Amino acid sequence: MSTSIPIPRERGKSGSLAPDRLAEPRNPFFATAFATGSQALSVDIGPGLCGVVRSSPSGDRHVLCVSNTADEAQTFQPVAYLPAENTDELVFLTGNMETLASTSGDLLVRLPAGQFAWLGWPAR
């Protein structure tokens, strides 16, 4: 189930999914996904994982923010939560993760316990 959520406006703690972490000048390409008028959609990724897809007001930038709240590593397939047809253009933005390939060759992301990852995807 996916639902729209309000955009947090206060400064986040380290490791949080707060928008100010990515909207800094060091990541200007994806900063629009955190700008005024951007969309935030909560996504159900699975047990132990909290996910939010951020989209720019024009819909040309997307950021998948995932946090592992479980006591053990969790794995997910990022392309399932972004409007990407493949993972060739995914950009690692910040966090701590490992990349793996499924038996079918799809990209999988493994998040260690208590860690997060932000992945960007530019619409073409």
PDB file of N, CA and C in Angstrom:
ATOM      1  N   MET A   1       0.838  -1.177   0.000  1.00  0.00           N
ATOM      2  CA  MET A   1       0.000   0.000   0.000  1.00  0.00           C
ATOM      3  C   MET A   1       0.878   1.235   0.000  1.00  0.00           C
ATOM      4  N   SER A   2       0.569   2.228  -0.765  1.00  0.00           N
ATOM      5  CA  SER A   2       1.312   3.474  -0.839  1.00  0.00           C
ATOM      6  C   SER A   2       0.393   4.623  -0.464  1.00  0.00           C
ATOM      7  N   THR A   3       0.923   5.538   0.321  1.00  0.00           N
ATOM      8  CA  THR A   3       0.152   6.710   0.711  1.00  0.00           C
ATOM      9  C   THR A   3       1.030   7.939   0.649  1.00  0.00           C
ATOM     10  N   SER A   4       0.440   9.078   0.343  1.00  0.00           N
ATOM     11  CA  SER A   4       1.196  10.324   0.365  1.00  0.00           C
ATOM     12  C   SER A   4       1.427  10.724   1.805  1.00  0.00           C
ATOM     13  N   ILE A   5       2.599  11.264   2.063  1.00  0.00           N
ATOM     14  CA  ILE A   5       2.914  11.722   3.415  1.00  0.00           C
ATOM     15  C   ILE A   5       3.409  13.151   3.349  1.00  0.00           C
ATOM     16  N   PRO A   6       3.247  13.911   4.433  1.00  0.00           N
ATOM     17  CA  PRO A   6       3.738  15.288   4.419  1.00  0.00           C
ATOM     18  C   PRO A   6       5.257  15.323   4.356  1.00  0.00           C
ATOM     19  N   ILE A   7       5.787  16.381   3.795  1.00  0.00           N
ATOM     20  CA  ILE A   7       7.230  16.547   3.687  1.00  0.00           C
ATOM     21  C   ILE A   7       7.756  17.129   4.989  1.00  0.00           C
ATOM     22  N   PRO A   8       8.675  16.415   5.687  1.00  0.00           N
ATOM     23  CA  PRO A   8       9.221  16.960   6.924  1.00  0.00           C
ATOM     24  C   PRO A   8      10.030  18.215   6.642  1.00  0.00           C
ATOM     25  N   ARG A   9       9.936  19.193   7.496  1.00  0.00           N
ATOM     26  CA  ARG A   9      10.655  20.449   7.296  1.00  0.00           C
ATOM     27  C   ARG A   9      11.724  20.704   8.353  1.00  0.00           C
ATOM     28  N   GLU A  10      11.827  19.873   9.387  1.00  0.00           N
ATOM     29  CA  GLU A  10      12.846  20.118  10.389  1.00  0.00           C
ATOM     30  C   GLU A  10      14.104  19.335  10.073  1.00  0.00           C
ATOM     31  N   ARG A  11      15.210  19.799  10.589  1.00  0.00           N
ATOM     32  CA  ARG A  11      16.498  19.166  10.343  1.00  0.00           C
ATOM     33  C   ARG A  11      16.498  17.761  10.928  1.00  0.00           C
ATOM     34  N   GLY A  12      16.949  16.783  10.146  1.00  0.00           N
ATOM     35  CA  GLY A  12      16.950  15.398  10.581  1.00  0.00           C
ATOM     36  C   GLY A  12      18.213  15.010  11.321  1.00  0.00           C
ATOM     37  N   LYS A  13      18.135  13.946  12.063  1.00  0.00           N
ATOM     38  CA  LYS A  13      19.293  13.387  12.753  1.00  0.00           C
ATOM     39  C   LYS A  13      20.085  12.567  11.743  1.00  0.00           C
ATOM     40  N   SER A  14      21.326  12.306  12.071  1.00  0.00           N
ATOM     41  CA  SER A  14      22.160  11.492  11.212  1.00  0.00           C
ATOM     42  C   SER A  14      21.505  10.131  10.997  1.00  0.00           C
ATOM     43  N   GLY A  15      21.456   9.692   9.753  1.00  0.00           N
ATOM     44  CA  GLY A  15      20.866   8.409   9.434  1.00  0.00           C
ATOM     45  C   GLY A  15      19.368   8.460   9.199  1.00  0.00           C
ATOM     46  N   SER A  16      18.773   9.646   9.296  1.00  0.00           N
ATOM     47  CA  SER A  16      17.331   9.748   9.092  1.00  0.00           C
ATOM     48  C   SER A  16      17.033   9.935   7.611  1.00  0.00           C
ATOM     49  N   LEU A  17      15.756   9.962   7.278  1.00  0.00           N
ATOM     50  CA  LEU A  17      15.342  10.172   5.899  1.00  0.00           C
ATOM     51  C   LEU A  17      14.938  11.621   5.664  1.00  0.00           C
ATOM     52  N   ALA A  18      15.422  12.539   6.485  1.00  0.00           N
ATOM     53  CA  ALA A  18      15.040  13.949   6.377  1.00  0.00           C
ATOM     54  C   ALA A  18      15.566  14.544   5.081  1.00  0.00           C
ATOM     55  N   PRO A  19      14.803  15.432   4.449  1.00  0.00           N
ATOM     56  CA  PRO A  19      15.158  15.944   3.130  1.00  0.00           C
ATOM     57  C   PRO A  19      16.385  16.830   3.087  1.00  0.00           C
ATOM     58  N   ASP A  20      16.751  17.483   4.183  1.00  0.00           N
ATOM     59  CA  ASP A  20      17.867  18.412   4.141  1.00  0.00           C
ATOM     60  C   ASP A  20      19.198  17.724   3.874  1.00  0.00           C
ATOM     61  N   ARG A  21      19.306  16.418   4.137  1.00  0.00           N
ATOM     62  CA  ARG A  21      20.554  15.696   3.924  1.00  0.00           C
ATOM     63  C   ARG A  21      20.928  15.636   2.455  1.00  0.00           C
ATOM     64  N   LEU A  22      19.949  15.578   1.568  1.00  0.00           N
ATOM     65  CA  LEU A  22      20.245  15.459   0.149  1.00  0.00           C
ATOM     66  C   LEU A  22      20.090  16.768  -0.595  1.00  0.00           C
ATOM     67  N   ALA A  23      19.358  17.692  -0.039  1.00  0.00           N
ATOM     68  CA  ALA A  23      19.084  18.939  -0.735  1.00  0.00           C
ATOM     69  C   ALA A  23      20.226  19.936  -0.600  1.00  0.00           C
ATOM     70  N   GLU A  24      21.355  19.478  -0.112  1.00  0.00           N
ATOM     71  CA  GLU A  24      22.522  20.342   0.002  1.00  0.00           C
ATOM     72  C   GLU A  24      23.186  20.475  -1.364  1.00  0.00           C
ATOM     73  N   PRO A  25      23.993  21.517  -1.569  1.00  0.00           N
ATOM     74  CA  PRO A  25      24.601  21.765  -2.872  1.00  0.00           C
ATOM     75  C   PRO A  25      25.432  20.611  -3.428  1.00  0.00           C
ATOM     76  N   ARG A  26      25.934  19.714  -2.593  1.00  0.00           N
ATOM     77  CA  ARG A  26      26.773  18.632  -3.113  1.00  0.00           C
ATOM     78  C   ARG A  26      25.981  17.653  -3.990  1.00  0.00           C
ATOM     79  N   ASN A  27      24.650  17.696  -3.932  1.00  0.00           N
ATOM     80  CA  ASN A  27      23.804  16.832  -4.742  1.00  0.00           C
ATOM     81  C   ASN A  27      22.743  17.647  -5.473  1.00  0.00           C
ATOM     82  N   PRO A  28      23.123  18.651  -6.239  1.00  0.00           N
ATOM     83  CA  PRO A  28      22.122  19.534  -6.841  1.00  0.00           C
ATOM     84  C   PRO A  28      21.203  18.843  -7.844  1.00  0.00           C
ATOM     85  N   PHE A  29      21.660  17.792  -8.505  1.00  0.00           N
ATOM     86  CA  PHE A  29      20.830  17.132  -9.509  1.00  0.00           C
ATOM     87  C   PHE A  29      19.562  16.555  -8.899  1.00  0.00           C
ATOM     88  N   PHE A  30      19.657  15.971  -7.713  1.00  0.00           N
ATOM     89  CA  PHE A  30      18.505  15.343  -7.074  1.00  0.00           C
ATOM     90  C   PHE A  30      17.846  16.230  -6.021  1.00  0.00           C
ATOM     91  N   ALA A  31      18.374  17.410  -5.781  1.00  0.00           N
ATOM     92  CA  ALA A  31      17.810  18.303  -4.755  1.00  0.00           C
ATOM     93  C   ALA A  31      16.359  18.668  -5.041  1.00  0.00           C
ATOM     94  N   THR A  32      15.954  18.692  -6.300  1.00  0.00           N
ATOM     95  CA  THR A  32      14.572  19.055  -6.625  1.00  0.00           C
ATOM     96  C   THR A  32      13.560  18.043  -6.084  1.00  0.00           C
ATOM     97  N   ALA A  33      14.003  16.831  -5.769  1.00  0.00           N
ATOM     98  CA  ALA A  33      13.106  15.834  -5.175  1.00  0.00           C
ATOM     99  C   ALA A  33      12.751  16.196  -3.736  1.00  0.00           C
ATOM    100  N   PHE A  34      13.405  17.230  -3.202  1.00  0.00           N
ATOM    101  CA  PHE A  34      13.158  17.693  -1.836  1.00  0.00           C
ATOM    102  C   PHE A  34      12.708  19.149  -1.799  1.00  0.00           C
ATOM    103  N   ALA A  35      12.488  19.737  -2.956  1.00  0.00           N
ATOM    104  CA  ALA A  35      12.104  21.145  -3.062  1.00  0.00           C
ATOM    105  C   ALA A  35      10.631  21.344  -2.698  1.00  0.00           C
ATOM    106  N   THR A  36      10.275  22.598  -2.495  1.00  0.00           N
ATOM    107  CA  THR A  36       8.875  22.940  -2.271  1.00  0.00           C
ATOM    108  C   THR A  36       8.049  22.429  -3.447  1.00  0.00           C
ATOM    109  N   GLY A  37       6.946  21.771  -3.157  1.00  0.00           N
ATOM    110  CA  GLY A  37       6.092  21.213  -4.201  1.00  0.00           C
ATOM    111  C   GLY A  37       6.440  19.788  -4.588  1.00  0.00           C
ATOM    112  N   SER A  38       7.513  19.238  -3.988  1.00  0.00           N
ATOM    113  CA  SER A  38       7.867  17.854  -4.292  1.00  0.00           C
ATOM    114  C   SER A  38       6.881  16.900  -3.624  1.00  0.00           C
ATOM    115  N   GLN A  39       6.901  15.668  -4.061  1.00  0.00           N
ATOM    116  CA  GLN A  39       5.989  14.644  -3.539  1.00  0.00           C
ATOM    117  C   GLN A  39       6.782  13.638  -2.714  1.00  0.00           C
ATOM    118  N   ALA A  40       6.165  13.123  -1.661  1.00  0.00           N
ATOM    119  CA  ALA A  40       6.750  12.054  -0.853  1.00  0.00           C
ATOM    120  C   ALA A  40       5.711  10.949  -0.742  1.00  0.00           C
ATOM    121  N   LEU A  41       6.084   9.756  -1.155  1.00  0.00           N
ATOM    122  CA  LEU A  41       5.167   8.633  -1.149  1.00  0.00           C
ATOM    123  C   LEU A  41       5.763   7.507  -0.307  1.00  0.00           C
ATOM    124  N   SER A  42       5.069   7.128   0.746  1.00  0.00           N
ATOM    125  CA  SER A  42       5.501   6.019   1.588  1.00  0.00           C
ATOM    126  C   SER A  42       5.258   4.721   0.824  1.00  0.00           C
ATOM    127  N   VAL A  43       6.264   3.840   0.811  1.00  0.00           N
ATOM    128  CA  VAL A  43       6.123   2.571   0.106  1.00  0.00           C
ATOM    129  C   VAL A  43       6.360   1.406   1.063  1.00  0.00           C
ATOM    130  N   ASP A  44       5.561   0.370   0.901  1.00  0.00           N
ATOM    131  CA  ASP A  44       5.680  -0.831   1.716  1.00  0.00           C
ATOM    132  C   ASP A  44       6.696  -1.747   1.058  1.00  0.00           C
ATOM    133  N   ILE A  45       7.891  -1.803   1.620  1.00  0.00           N
ATOM    134  CA  ILE A  45       8.968  -2.597   1.033  1.00  0.00           C
ATOM    135  C   ILE A  45       9.026  -3.988   1.653  1.00  0.00           C
ATOM    136  N   GLY A  46       8.634  -4.090   2.901  1.00  0.00           N
ATOM    137  CA  GLY A  46       8.640  -5.386   3.566  1.00  0.00           C
ATOM    138  C   GLY A  46       8.988  -5.245   5.033  1.00  0.00           C
ATOM    139  N   PRO A  47       8.931  -6.337   5.769  1.00  0.00           N
ATOM    140  CA  PRO A  47       9.223  -6.311   7.201  1.00  0.00           C
ATOM    141  C   PRO A  47      10.622  -5.747   7.493  1.00  0.00           C
ATOM    142  N   GLY A  48      10.686  -4.836   8.433  1.00  0.00           N
ATOM    143  CA  GLY A  48      11.963  -4.267   8.839  1.00  0.00           C
ATOM    144  C   GLY A  48      12.482  -3.151   7.963  1.00  0.00           C
ATOM    145  N   LEU A  49      11.812  -2.838   6.859  1.00  0.00           N
ATOM    146  CA  LEU A  49      12.267  -1.787   5.954  1.00  0.00           C
ATOM    147  C   LEU A  49      11.220  -0.687   5.856  1.00  0.00           C
ATOM    148  N   CYS A  50      11.656   0.547   5.996  1.00  0.00           N
ATOM    149  CA  CYS A  50      10.792   1.719   5.821  1.00  0.00           C
ATOM    150  C   CYS A  50      11.252   2.423   4.560  1.00  0.00           C
ATOM    151  N   GLY A  51      10.328   2.746   3.671  1.00  0.00           N
ATOM    152  CA  GLY A  51      10.705   3.370   2.416  1.00  0.00           C
ATOM    153  C   GLY A  51       9.863   4.567   2.055  1.00  0.00           C
ATOM    154  N   VAL A  52      10.508   5.531   1.422  1.00  0.00           N
ATOM    155  CA  VAL A  52       9.848   6.724   0.909  1.00  0.00           C
ATOM    156  C   VAL A  52      10.424   6.994  -0.478  1.00  0.00           C
ATOM    157  N   VAL A  53       9.543   7.243  -1.443  1.00  0.00           N
ATOM    158  CA  VAL A  53       9.986   7.689  -2.762  1.00  0.00           C
ATOM    159  C   VAL A  53       9.697   9.172  -2.848  1.00  0.00           C
ATOM    160  N   ARG A  54      10.745   9.963  -3.084  1.00  0.00           N
ATOM    161  CA  ARG A  54      10.630  11.405  -3.246  1.00  0.00           C
ATOM    162  C   ARG A  54      10.652  11.709  -4.738  1.00  0.00           C
ATOM    163  N   SER A  55       9.796  12.611  -5.204  1.00  0.00           N
ATOM    164  CA  SER A  55       9.759  12.999  -6.618  1.00  0.00           C
ATOM    165  C   SER A  55       9.738  14.510  -6.728  1.00  0.00           C
ATOM    166  N   SER A  56      10.473  15.024  -7.697  1.00  0.00           N
ATOM    167  CA  SER A  56      10.502  16.459  -7.929  1.00  0.00           C
ATOM    168  C   SER A  56       9.130  16.932  -8.406  1.00  0.00           C
ATOM    169  N   PRO A  57       8.836  18.231  -8.274  1.00  0.00           N
ATOM    170  CA  PRO A  57       7.536  18.744  -8.727  1.00  0.00           C
ATOM    171  C   PRO A  57       7.253  18.436 -10.204  1.00  0.00           C
ATOM    172  N   SER A  58       8.271  18.417 -11.043  1.00  0.00           N
ATOM    173  CA  SER A  58       8.077  18.137 -12.471  1.00  0.00           C
ATOM    174  C   SER A  58       8.090  16.644 -12.780  1.00  0.00           C
ATOM    175  N   GLY A  59       8.428  15.810 -11.792  1.00  0.00           N
ATOM    176  CA  GLY A  59       8.455  14.368 -11.991  1.00  0.00           C
ATOM    177  C   GLY A  59       9.672  13.845 -12.722  1.00  0.00           C
ATOM    178  N   ASP A  60      10.717  14.679 -12.852  1.00  0.00           N
ATOM    179  CA  ASP A  60      11.897  14.235 -13.595  1.00  0.00           C
ATOM    180  C   ASP A  60      13.036  13.739 -12.711  1.00  0.00           C
ATOM    181  N   ARG A  61      12.881  13.786 -11.405  1.00  0.00           N
ATOM    182  CA  ARG A  61      13.890  13.283 -10.469  1.00  0.00           C
ATOM    183  C   ARG A  61      13.170  12.469  -9.397  1.00  0.00           C
ATOM    184  N   HIS A  62      13.755  11.336  -9.032  1.00  0.00           N
ATOM    185  CA  HIS A  62      13.171  10.467  -8.015  1.00  0.00           C
ATOM    186  C   HIS A  62      14.276   9.983  -7.086  1.00  0.00           C
ATOM    187  N   VAL A  63      13.971   9.894  -5.806  1.00  0.00           N
ATOM    188  CA  VAL A  63      14.914   9.365  -4.829  1.00  0.00           C
ATOM    189  C   VAL A  63      14.180   8.343  -3.965  1.00  0.00           C
ATOM    190  N   LEU A  64      14.751   7.157  -3.881  1.00  0.00           N
ATOM    191  CA  LEU A  64      14.226   6.110  -3.013  1.00  0.00           C
ATOM    192  C   LEU A  64      15.051   6.127  -1.731  1.00  0.00           C
ATOM    193  N   CYS A  65      14.394   6.385  -0.619  1.00  0.00           N
ATOM    194  CA  CYS A  65      15.034   6.438   0.689  1.00  0.00           C
ATOM    195  C   CYS A  65      14.548   5.218   1.476  1.00  0.00           C
ATOM    196  N   VAL A  66      15.470   4.345   1.877  1.00  0.00           N
ATOM    197  CA  VAL A  66      15.098   3.124   2.589  1.00  0.00           C
ATOM    198  C   VAL A  66      15.931   3.015   3.857  1.00  0.00           C
ATOM    199  N   SER A  67      15.256   2.678   4.944  1.00  0.00           N
ATOM    200  CA  SER A  67      15.911   2.498   6.240  1.00  0.00           C
ATOM    201  C   SER A  67      15.585   1.100   6.762  1.00  0.00           C
ATOM    202  N   ASN A  68      16.612   0.416   7.281  1.00  0.00           N
ATOM    203  CA  ASN A  68      16.424  -0.910   7.860  1.00  0.00           C
ATOM    204  C   ASN A  68      16.283  -0.765   9.371  1.00  0.00           C
ATOM    205  N   THR A  69      15.089  -1.003   9.883  1.00  0.00           N
ATOM    206  CA  THR A  69      14.832  -0.891  11.319  1.00  0.00           C
ATOM    207  C   THR A  69      14.954  -2.243  12.023  1.00  0.00           C
ATOM    208  N   ALA A  70      15.282  -3.281  11.282  1.00  0.00           N
ATOM    209  CA  ALA A  70      15.400  -4.631  11.840  1.00  0.00           C
ATOM    210  C   ALA A  70      16.754  -4.839  12.514  1.00  0.00           C
ATOM    211  N   ASP A  71      16.845  -5.913  13.275  1.00  0.00           N
ATOM    212  CA  ASP A  71      18.083  -6.271  13.962  1.00  0.00           C
ATOM    213  C   ASP A  71      19.023  -7.092  13.088  1.00  0.00           C
ATOM    214  N   GLU A  72      18.632  -7.349  11.864  1.00  0.00           N
ATOM    215  CA  GLU A  72      19.466  -8.102  10.935  1.00  0.00           C
ATOM    216  C   GLU A  72      19.369  -7.481   9.543  1.00  0.00           C
ATOM    217  N   ALA A  73      20.297  -7.829   8.682  1.00  0.00           N
ATOM    218  CA  ALA A  73      20.313  -7.287   7.328  1.00  0.00           C
ATOM    219  C   ALA A  73      19.033  -7.672   6.580  1.00  0.00           C
ATOM    220  N   GLN A  74      18.588  -6.764   5.713  1.00  0.00           N
ATOM    221  CA  GLN A  74      17.401  -6.977   4.890  1.00  0.00           C
ATOM    222  C   GLN A  74      17.760  -6.685   3.431  1.00  0.00           C
ATOM    223  N   THR A  75      17.072  -7.357   2.517  1.00  0.00           N
ATOM    224  CA  THR A  75      17.340  -7.201   1.093  1.00  0.00           C
ATOM    225  C   THR A  75      16.069  -6.769   0.370  1.00  0.00           C
ATOM    226  N   PHE A  76      16.230  -5.896  -0.639  1.00  0.00           N
ATOM    227  CA  PHE A  76      15.099  -5.457  -1.452  1.00  0.00           C
ATOM    228  C   PHE A  76      15.572  -5.180  -2.872  1.00  0.00           C
ATOM    229  N   GLN A  77      14.620  -5.081  -3.776  1.00  0.00           N
ATOM    230  CA  GLN A  77      14.893  -4.809  -5.189  1.00  0.00           C
ATOM    231  C   GLN A  77      14.474  -3.371  -5.478  1.00  0.00           C
ATOM    232  N   PRO A  78      15.418  -2.426  -5.635  1.00  0.00           N
ATOM    233  CA  PRO A  78      15.062  -1.007  -5.775  1.00  0.00           C
ATOM    234  C   PRO A  78      14.213  -0.671  -6.993  1.00  0.00           C
ATOM    235  N   VAL A  79      14.401  -1.356  -8.100  1.00  0.00           N
ATOM    236  CA  VAL A  79      13.654  -1.012  -9.310  1.00  0.00           C
ATOM    237  C   VAL A  79      12.152  -1.237  -9.117  1.00  0.00           C
ATOM    238  N   ALA A  80      11.780  -2.046  -8.146  1.00  0.00           N
ATOM    239  CA  ALA A  80      10.358  -2.288  -7.873  1.00  0.00           C
ATOM    240  C   ALA A  80       9.665  -1.070  -7.260  1.00  0.00           C
ATOM    241  N   TYR A  81      10.440  -0.096  -6.778  1.00  0.00           N
ATOM    242  CA  TYR A  81       9.863   1.060  -6.081  1.00  0.00           C
ATOM    243  C   TYR A  81      10.134   2.388  -6.783  1.00  0.00           C
ATOM    244  N   LEU A  82      10.838   2.340  -7.895  1.00  0.00           N
ATOM    245  CA  LEU A  82      11.103   3.534  -8.690  1.00  0.00           C
ATOM    246  C   LEU A  82      10.465   3.349 -10.060  1.00  0.00           C
ATOM    247  N   PRO A  83      10.176   4.440 -10.745  1.00  0.00           N
ATOM    248  CA  PRO A  83       9.581   4.312 -12.076  1.00  0.00           C
ATOM    249  C   PRO A  83      10.614   3.948 -13.146  1.00  0.00           C
ATOM    250  N   ALA A  84      11.664   3.245 -12.737  1.00  0.00           N
ATOM    251  CA  ALA A  84      12.721   2.845 -13.664  1.00  0.00           C
ATOM    252  C   ALA A  84      12.377   1.507 -14.300  1.00  0.00           C
ATOM    253  N   GLU A  85      12.706   1.361 -15.559  1.00  0.00           N
ATOM    254  CA  GLU A  85      12.508   0.078 -16.231  1.00  0.00           C
ATOM    255  C   GLU A  85      13.678  -0.853 -15.971  1.00  0.00           C
ATOM    256  N   ASN A  86      14.818  -0.299 -15.669  1.00  0.00           N
ATOM    257  CA  ASN A  86      15.987  -1.107 -15.314  1.00  0.00           C
ATOM    258  C   ASN A  86      16.832  -0.301 -14.330  1.00  0.00           C
ATOM    259  N   THR A  87      17.890  -0.895 -13.836  1.00  0.00           N
ATOM    260  CA  THR A  87      18.716  -0.236 -12.820  1.00  0.00           C
ATOM    261  C   THR A  87      19.982   0.392 -13.398  1.00  0.00           C
ATOM    262  N   ASP A  88      20.100   0.442 -14.717  1.00  0.00           N
ATOM    263  CA  ASP A  88      21.308   0.980 -15.337  1.00  0.00           C
ATOM    264  C   ASP A  88      21.589   2.423 -14.950  1.00  0.00           C
ATOM    265  N   GLU A  89      20.551   3.195 -14.664  1.00  0.00           N
ATOM    266  CA  GLU A  89      20.744   4.606 -14.358  1.00  0.00           C
ATOM    267  C   GLU A  89      20.576   4.939 -12.884  1.00  0.00           C
ATOM    268  N   LEU A  90      20.454   3.939 -12.023  1.00  0.00           N
ATOM    269  CA  LEU A  90      20.358   4.226 -10.592  1.00  0.00           C
ATOM    270  C   LEU A  90      21.657   4.846 -10.112  1.00  0.00           C
ATOM    271  N   VAL A  91      21.530   5.814  -9.212  1.00  0.00           N
ATOM    272  CA  VAL A  91      22.684   6.513  -8.662  1.00  0.00           C
ATOM    273  C   VAL A  91      22.675   6.338  -7.151  1.00  0.00           C
ATOM    274  N   PHE A  92      23.773   5.829  -6.592  1.00  0.00           N
ATOM    275  CA  PHE A  92      23.912   5.742  -5.142  1.00  0.00           C
ATOM    276  C   PHE A  92      24.187   7.147  -4.632  1.00  0.00           C
ATOM    277  N   LEU A  93      23.376   7.611  -3.679  1.00  0.00           N
ATOM    278  CA  LEU A  93      23.521   8.971  -3.167  1.00  0.00           C
ATOM    279  C   LEU A  93      24.180   9.011  -1.795  1.00  0.00           C
ATOM    280  N   THR A  94      23.724   8.182  -0.885  1.00  0.00           N
ATOM    281  CA  THR A  94      24.315   8.155   0.454  1.00  0.00           C
ATOM    282  C   THR A  94      23.816   6.925   1.192  1.00  0.00           C
ATOM    283  N   GLY A  95      24.477   6.580   2.277  1.00  0.00           N
ATOM    284  CA  GLY A  95      24.059   5.462   3.098  1.00  0.00           C
ATOM    285  C   GLY A  95      25.090   4.356   3.150  1.00  0.00           C
ATOM    286  N   ASN A  96      24.639   3.179   3.541  1.00  0.00           N
ATOM    287  CA  ASN A  96      25.511   2.018   3.705  1.00  0.00           C
ATOM    288  C   ASN A  96      24.759   0.805   3.174  1.00  0.00           C
ATOM    289  N   MET A  97      25.226   0.242   2.082  1.00  0.00           N
ATOM    290  CA  MET A  97      24.523  -0.884   1.462  1.00  0.00           C
ATOM    291  C   MET A  97      25.495  -1.745   0.683  1.00  0.00           C
ATOM    292  N   GLU A  98      25.042  -2.936   0.350  1.00  0.00           N
ATOM    293  CA  GLU A  98      25.766  -3.828  -0.544  1.00  0.00           C
ATOM    294  C   GLU A  98      24.865  -4.090  -1.739  1.00  0.00           C
ATOM    295  N   THR A  99      25.455  -4.282  -2.903  1.00  0.00           N
ATOM    296  CA  THR A  99      24.658  -4.647  -4.066  1.00  0.00           C
ATOM    297  C   THR A  99      24.909  -6.108  -4.392  1.00  0.00           C
ATOM    298  N   LEU A 100      23.855  -6.773  -4.788  1.00  0.00           N
ATOM    299  CA  LEU A 100      23.882  -8.193  -5.133  1.00  0.00           C
ATOM    300  C   LEU A 100      23.086  -8.379  -6.408  1.00  0.00           C
ATOM    301  N   ALA A 101      23.208  -9.541  -7.014  1.00  0.00           N
ATOM    302  CA  ALA A 101      22.378  -9.877  -8.177  1.00  0.00           C
ATOM    303  C   ALA A 101      21.541 -11.096  -7.819  1.00  0.00           C
ATOM    304  N   SER A 102      20.272 -11.051  -8.197  1.00  0.00           N
ATOM    305  CA  SER A 102      19.407 -12.210  -7.988  1.00  0.00           C
ATOM    306  C   SER A 102      19.775 -13.275  -9.017  1.00  0.00           C
ATOM    307  N   THR A 103      19.199 -14.442  -8.886  1.00  0.00           N
ATOM    308  CA  THR A 103      19.477 -15.507  -9.858  1.00  0.00           C
ATOM    309  C   THR A 103      19.027 -15.118 -11.265  1.00  0.00           C
ATOM    310  N   SER A 104      18.063 -14.191 -11.353  1.00  0.00           N
ATOM    311  CA  SER A 104      17.610 -13.726 -12.671  1.00  0.00           C
ATOM    312  C   SER A 104      18.425 -12.538 -13.176  1.00  0.00           C
ATOM    313  N   GLY A 105      19.398 -12.078 -12.367  1.00  0.00           N
ATOM    314  CA  GLY A 105      20.250 -10.969 -12.773  1.00  0.00           C
ATOM    315  C   GLY A 105      19.766  -9.608 -12.327  1.00  0.00           C
ATOM    316  N   ASP A 106      18.636  -9.526 -11.618  1.00  0.00           N
ATOM    317  CA  ASP A 106      18.123  -8.248 -11.130  1.00  0.00           C
ATOM    318  C   ASP A 106      18.983  -7.727  -9.981  1.00  0.00           C
ATOM    319  N   LEU A 107      19.113  -6.414  -9.900  1.00  0.00           N
ATOM    320  CA  LEU A 107      19.871  -5.791  -8.817  1.00  0.00           C
ATOM    321  C   LEU A 107      19.111  -5.914  -7.505  1.00  0.00           C
ATOM    322  N   LEU A 108      19.803  -6.354  -6.477  1.00  0.00           N
ATOM    323  CA  LEU A 108      19.274  -6.391  -5.126  1.00  0.00           C
ATOM    324  C   LEU A 108      20.158  -5.530  -4.253  1.00  0.00           C
ATOM    325  N   VAL A 109      19.555  -4.903  -3.251  1.00  0.00           N
ATOM    326  CA  VAL A 109      20.293  -4.094  -2.287  1.00  0.00           C
ATOM    327  C   VAL A 109      20.144  -4.745  -0.927  1.00  0.00           C
ATOM    328  N   ARG A 110      21.260  -4.916  -0.253  1.00  0.00           N
ATOM    329  CA  ARG A 110      21.268  -5.477   1.100  1.00  0.00           C
ATOM    330  C   ARG A 110      21.649  -4.360   2.059  1.00  0.00           C
ATOM    331  N   LEU A 111      20.735  -4.075   3.011  1.00  0.00           N
ATOM    332  CA  LEU A 111      20.990  -3.059   4.031  1.00  0.00           C
ATOM    333  C   LEU A 111      21.340  -3.737   5.346  1.00  0.00           C
ATOM    334  N   PRO A 112      22.496  -3.423   5.925  1.00  0.00           N
ATOM    335  CA  PRO A 112      22.809  -3.954   7.248  1.00  0.00           C
ATOM    336  C   PRO A 112      21.808  -3.439   8.287  1.00  0.00           C
ATOM    337  N   ALA A 113      21.720  -4.106   9.407  1.00  0.00           N
ATOM    338  CA  ALA A 113      20.820  -3.703  10.483  1.00  0.00           C
ATOM    339  C   ALA A 113      21.063  -2.247  10.875  1.00  0.00           C
ATOM    340  N   GLY A 114      19.972  -1.489  11.003  1.00  0.00           N
ATOM    341  CA  GLY A 114      20.049  -0.108  11.452  1.00  0.00           C
ATOM    342  C   GLY A 114      20.607   0.877  10.444  1.00  0.00           C
ATOM    343  N   GLN A 115      20.809   0.487   9.208  1.00  0.00           N
ATOM    344  CA  GLN A 115      21.405   1.362   8.194  1.00  0.00           C
ATOM    345  C   GLN A 115      20.354   1.853   7.199  1.00  0.00           C
ATOM    346  N   PHE A 116      20.763   2.791   6.345  1.00  0.00           N
ATOM    347  CA  PHE A 116      19.873   3.352   5.333  1.00  0.00           C
ATOM    348  C   PHE A 116      20.623   3.495   4.024  1.00  0.00           C
ATOM    349  N   ALA A 117      19.884   3.682   2.954  1.00  0.00           N
ATOM    350  CA  ALA A 117      20.462   3.979   1.642  1.00  0.00           C
ATOM    351  C   ALA A 117      19.503   4.876   0.880  1.00  0.00           C
ATOM    352  N   TRP A 118      20.070   5.807   0.126  1.00  0.00           N
ATOM    353  CA  TRP A 118      19.290   6.663  -0.764  1.00  0.00           C
ATOM    354  C   TRP A 118      19.790   6.412  -2.179  1.00  0.00           C
ATOM    355  N   LEU A 119      18.866   6.095  -3.070  1.00  0.00           N
ATOM    356  CA  LEU A 119      19.177   5.839  -4.475  1.00  0.00           C
ATOM    357  C   LEU A 119      18.378   6.805  -5.333  1.00  0.00           C
ATOM    358  N   GLY A 120      19.034   7.397  -6.301  1.00  0.00           N
ATOM    359  CA  GLY A 120      18.378   8.334  -7.198  1.00  0.00           C
ATOM    360  C   GLY A 120      18.154   7.742  -8.569  1.00  0.00           C
ATOM    361  N   TRP A 121      17.110   8.231  -9.236  1.00  0.00           N
ATOM    362  CA  TRP A 121      16.834   7.821 -10.603  1.00  0.00           C
ATOM    363  C   TRP A 121      16.297   9.027 -11.366  1.00  0.00           C
ATOM    364  N   PRO A 122      17.030   9.442 -12.412  1.00  0.00           N
ATOM    365  CA  PRO A 122      16.552  10.544 -13.251  1.00  0.00           C
ATOM    366  C   PRO A 122      15.634  10.029 -14.352  1.00  0.00           C
ATOM    367  N   ALA A 123      14.445  10.536 -14.416  1.00  0.00           N
ATOM    368  CA  ALA A 123      13.535  10.151 -15.503  1.00  0.00           C
ATOM    369  C   ALA A 123      14.125  10.629 -16.825  1.00  0.00           C
ATOM    370  N   ARG A 124      13.907   9.881 -17.849  1.00  0.00           N
ATOM    371  CA  ARG A 124      14.422  10.266 -19.177  1.00  0.00           C
ATOM    372  C   ARG A 124      13.268  10.454 -20.127  1.00  0.00           C
TER     373      ARG A 124
END
